[in-house]
Each structure stands twice: as structure tokens, then as C-alpha cells.
Amino acid sequence: MSTTYQPKKRKRKRVHGFLKRSASPGGRRVLKSRRQKGRKNITV
């Protein structure tokens, strides 16, 4: 079996970053709920 997690900073930002989250209604909902919950980091 191969190792499944090959971390890359650029990919991580592009897939889970703030701009990506802000781009869609669902992502904005994620940001809103994480802010409401009081998360220290709302995105990656």
C-alpha cells in the first residue's frame, strides 16, 4: 500500500484556503459557523 498523505503547501491552501471557502455559498457557511464557534483558525 502507498502512503496517502503527501503534504504540499500550495495544494493545501488552494483546496482548503480562505479564498476557496469564500468563493462558494457552502464555503461561506463553513466560515460563518467556524467564526460563531470561536475557532482560532477559521481556515488552513
PDB file of N, CA and C in Angstrom:
ATOM      1  N   MET A   1       0.830  -1.200   0.000  1.00  0.00           N
ATOM      2  CA  MET A   1       0.000   0.000   0.000  1.00  0.00           C
ATOM      3  C   MET A   1       0.871   1.259   0.000  1.00  0.00           C
ATOM      4  N   SER A   2       0.370   2.282  -0.666  1.00  0.00           N
ATOM      5  CA  SER A   2       1.135   3.530  -0.714  1.00  0.00           C
ATOM      6  C   SER A   2       0.710   4.451   0.423  1.00  0.00           C
ATOM      7  N   THR A   3       1.585   5.400   0.753  1.00  0.00           N
ATOM      8  CA  THR A   3       1.215   6.383   1.769  1.00  0.00           C
ATOM      9  C   THR A   3       0.269   7.385   1.122  1.00  0.00           C
ATOM     10  N   THR A   4      -0.803   7.715   1.816  1.00  0.00           N
ATOM     11  CA  THR A   4      -1.863   8.502   1.192  1.00  0.00           C
ATOM     12  C   THR A   4      -1.698  10.004   1.349  1.00  0.00           C
ATOM     13  N   TYR A   5      -0.958  10.437   2.351  1.00  0.00           N
ATOM     14  CA  TYR A   5      -0.832  11.874   2.590  1.00  0.00           C
ATOM     15  C   TYR A   5       0.535  12.392   2.168  1.00  0.00           C
ATOM     16  N   GLN A   6       0.559  13.161   1.076  1.00  0.00           N
ATOM     17  CA  GLN A   6       1.797  13.763   0.572  1.00  0.00           C
ATOM     18  C   GLN A   6       1.628  15.276   0.667  1.00  0.00           C
ATOM     19  N   PRO A   7       1.987  15.858   1.819  1.00  0.00           N
ATOM     20  CA  PRO A   7       1.668  17.270   2.037  1.00  0.00           C
ATOM     21  C   PRO A   7       2.345  18.232   1.060  1.00  0.00           C
ATOM     22  N   LYS A   8       1.552  19.181   0.570  1.00  0.00           N
ATOM     23  CA  LYS A   8       2.053  20.252  -0.287  1.00  0.00           C
ATOM     24  C   LYS A   8       1.355  21.535   0.145  1.00  0.00           C
ATOM     25  N   LYS A   9       2.140  22.549   0.445  1.00  0.00           N
ATOM     26  CA  LYS A   9       1.582  23.804   0.959  1.00  0.00           C
ATOM     27  C   LYS A   9       0.632  24.482  -0.022  1.00  0.00           C
ATOM     28  N   ARG A  10       1.019  24.507  -1.285  1.00  0.00           N
ATOM     29  CA  ARG A  10       0.196  25.191  -2.286  1.00  0.00           C
ATOM     30  C   ARG A  10      -1.160  24.507  -2.456  1.00  0.00           C
ATOM     31  N   LYS A  11      -1.130  23.206  -2.594  1.00  0.00           N
ATOM     32  CA  LYS A  11      -2.357  22.424  -2.759  1.00  0.00           C
ATOM     33  C   LYS A  11      -3.289  22.618  -1.563  1.00  0.00           C
ATOM     34  N   ARG A  12      -2.708  22.573  -0.361  1.00  0.00           N
ATOM     35  CA  ARG A  12      -3.468  22.730   0.875  1.00  0.00           C
ATOM     36  C   ARG A  12      -4.200  24.065   0.909  1.00  0.00           C
ATOM     37  N   LYS A  13      -3.490  25.120   0.548  1.00  0.00           N
ATOM     38  CA  LYS A  13      -4.084  26.462   0.513  1.00  0.00           C
ATOM     39  C   LYS A  13      -5.176  26.548  -0.547  1.00  0.00           C
ATOM     40  N   ARG A  14      -4.899  25.982  -1.709  1.00  0.00           N
ATOM     41  CA  ARG A  14      -5.834  26.121  -2.822  1.00  0.00           C
ATOM     42  C   ARG A  14      -7.120  25.337  -2.611  1.00  0.00           C
ATOM     43  N   VAL A  15      -7.024  24.233  -1.927  1.00  0.00           N
ATOM     44  CA  VAL A  15      -8.207  23.396  -1.721  1.00  0.00           C
ATOM     45  C   VAL A  15      -8.989  23.810  -0.476  1.00  0.00           C
ATOM     46  N   HIS A  16      -8.278  24.188   0.587  1.00  0.00           N
ATOM     47  CA  HIS A  16      -8.946  24.466   1.856  1.00  0.00           C
ATOM     48  C   HIS A  16      -8.766  25.894   2.349  1.00  0.00           C
ATOM     49  N   GLY A  17      -8.197  26.757   1.502  1.00  0.00           N
ATOM     50  CA  GLY A  17      -7.857  28.112   1.934  1.00  0.00           C
ATOM     51  C   GLY A  17      -9.047  29.051   2.039  1.00  0.00           C
ATOM     52  N   PHE A  18      -8.769  30.244   2.536  1.00  0.00           N
ATOM     53  CA  PHE A  18      -9.804  31.250   2.766  1.00  0.00           C
ATOM     54  C   PHE A  18     -10.491  31.673   1.478  1.00  0.00           C
ATOM     55  N   LEU A  19      -9.709  31.902   0.429  1.00  0.00           N
ATOM     56  CA  LEU A  19     -10.283  32.358  -0.837  1.00  0.00           C
ATOM     57  C   LEU A  19     -11.212  31.313  -1.438  1.00  0.00           C
ATOM     58  N   LYS A  20     -10.807  30.070  -1.328  1.00  0.00           N
ATOM     59  CA  LYS A  20     -11.632  28.973  -1.844  1.00  0.00           C
ATOM     60  C   LYS A  20     -12.940  28.867  -1.058  1.00  0.00           C
ATOM     61  N   ARG A  21     -12.840  29.000   0.254  1.00  0.00           N
ATOM     62  CA  ARG A  21     -14.030  28.941   1.105  1.00  0.00           C
ATOM     63  C   ARG A  21     -14.975  30.106   0.810  1.00  0.00           C
ATOM     64  N   SER A  22     -14.375  31.280   0.599  1.00  0.00           N
ATOM     65  CA  SER A  22     -15.181  32.479   0.353  1.00  0.00           C
ATOM     66  C   SER A  22     -15.893  32.433  -0.994  1.00  0.00           C
ATOM     67  N   ALA A  23     -15.401  31.604  -1.884  1.00  0.00           N
ATOM     68  CA  ALA A  23     -15.903  31.588  -3.258  1.00  0.00           C
ATOM     69  C   ALA A  23     -17.297  30.980  -3.405  1.00  0.00           C
ATOM     70  N   SER A  24     -17.659  30.038  -2.535  1.00  0.00           N
ATOM     71  CA  SER A  24     -18.950  29.373  -2.689  1.00  0.00           C
ATOM     72  C   SER A  24     -19.844  29.611  -1.475  1.00  0.00           C
ATOM     73  N   PRO A  25     -21.156  29.507  -1.675  1.00  0.00           N
ATOM     74  CA  PRO A  25     -22.086  29.701  -0.560  1.00  0.00           C
ATOM     75  C   PRO A  25     -21.840  28.716   0.577  1.00  0.00           C
ATOM     76  N   GLY A  26     -21.568  27.469   0.227  1.00  0.00           N
ATOM     77  CA  GLY A  26     -21.297  26.458   1.247  1.00  0.00           C
ATOM     78  C   GLY A  26     -20.045  26.770   2.042  1.00  0.00           C
ATOM     79  N   GLY A  27     -19.038  27.258   1.337  1.00  0.00           N
ATOM     80  CA  GLY A  27     -17.781  27.621   1.986  1.00  0.00           C
ATOM     81  C   GLY A  27     -17.962  28.796   2.929  1.00  0.00           C
ATOM     82  N   ARG A  28     -18.770  29.760   2.487  1.00  0.00           N
ATOM     83  CA  ARG A  28     -19.052  30.907   3.347  1.00  0.00           C
ATOM     84  C   ARG A  28     -19.805  30.468   4.591  1.00  0.00           C
ATOM     85  N   ARG A  29     -20.637  29.468   4.441  1.00  0.00           N
ATOM     86  CA  ARG A  29     -21.362  28.919   5.593  1.00  0.00           C
ATOM     87  C   ARG A  29     -20.385  28.286   6.584  1.00  0.00           C
ATOM     88  N   VAL A  30     -19.384  27.589   6.050  1.00  0.00           N
ATOM     89  CA  VAL A  30     -18.334  26.982   6.880  1.00  0.00           C
ATOM     90  C   VAL A  30     -17.613  28.069   7.673  1.00  0.00           C
ATOM     91  N   LEU A  31     -17.221  29.147   6.984  1.00  0.00           N
ATOM     92  CA  LEU A  31     -16.516  30.252   7.639  1.00  0.00           C
ATOM     93  C   LEU A  31     -17.374  30.857   8.744  1.00  0.00           C
ATOM     94  N   LYS A  32     -18.646  31.053   8.426  1.00  0.00           N
ATOM     95  CA  LYS A  32     -19.574  31.660   9.383  1.00  0.00           C
ATOM     96  C   LYS A  32     -19.699  30.806  10.637  1.00  0.00           C
ATOM     97  N   SER A  33     -19.900  29.499  10.443  1.00  0.00           N
ATOM     98  CA  SER A  33     -20.088  28.603  11.581  1.00  0.00           C
ATOM     99  C   SER A  33     -18.820  28.485  12.410  1.00  0.00           C
ATOM    100  N   ARG A  34     -17.664  28.526  11.752  1.00  0.00           N
ATOM    101  CA  ARG A  34     -16.399  28.443  12.484  1.00  0.00           C
ATOM    102  C   ARG A  34     -16.128  29.720  13.270  1.00  0.00           C
ATOM    103  N   ARG A  35     -16.537  30.861  12.697  1.00  0.00           N
ATOM    104  CA  ARG A  35     -16.417  32.133  13.429  1.00  0.00           C
ATOM    105  C   ARG A  35     -17.337  32.116  14.645  1.00  0.00           C
ATOM    106  N   GLN A  36     -18.553  31.632  14.438  1.00  0.00           N
ATOM    107  CA  GLN A  36     -19.549  31.558  15.508  1.00  0.00           C
ATOM    108  C   GLN A  36     -19.065  30.685  16.649  1.00  0.00           C
ATOM    109  N   LYS A  37     -18.441  29.594  16.294  1.00  0.00           N
ATOM    110  CA  LYS A  37     -17.949  28.652  17.288  1.00  0.00           C
ATOM    111  C   LYS A  37     -16.744  29.211  18.035  1.00  0.00           C
ATOM    112  N   GLY A  38     -16.079  30.192  17.396  1.00  0.00           N
ATOM    113  CA  GLY A  38     -14.930  30.827  18.030  1.00  0.00           C
ATOM    114  C   GLY A  38     -13.620  30.113  17.760  1.00  0.00           C
ATOM    115  N   ARG A  39     -13.541  29.508  16.585  1.00  0.00           N
ATOM    116  CA  ARG A  39     -12.302  28.824  16.198  1.00  0.00           C
ATOM    117  C   ARG A  39     -11.161  29.828  16.103  1.00  0.00           C
ATOM    118  N   LYS A  40      -9.988  29.423  16.583  1.00  0.00           N
ATOM    119  CA  LYS A  40      -8.821  30.300  16.496  1.00  0.00           C
ATOM    120  C   LYS A  40      -8.426  30.485  15.036  1.00  0.00           C
ATOM    121  N   ASN A  41      -8.443  29.396  14.266  1.00  0.00           N
ATOM    122  CA  ASN A  41      -8.173  29.459  12.827  1.00  0.00           C
ATOM    123  C   ASN A  41      -9.443  29.080  12.082  1.00  0.00           C
ATOM    124  N   ILE A  42      -9.937  29.994  11.243  1.00  0.00           N
ATOM    125  CA  ILE A  42     -11.154  29.657  10.506  1.00  0.00           C
ATOM    126  C   ILE A  42     -10.854  28.883   9.231  1.00  0.00           C
ATOM    127  N   THR A  43      -9.635  29.046   8.715  1.00  0.00           N
ATOM    128  CA  THR A  43      -9.220  28.228   7.575  1.00  0.00           C
ATOM    129  C   THR A  43      -7.781  27.792   7.757  1.00  0.00           C
ATOM    130  N   VAL A  44      -7.318  27.033   6.785  1.00  0.00           N
ATOM    131  CA  VAL A  44      -5.952  26.498   6.792  1.00  0.00           C
ATOM    132  C   VAL A  44      -4.932  27.627   6.766  1.00  0.00           C
TER     133      VAL A  44
END
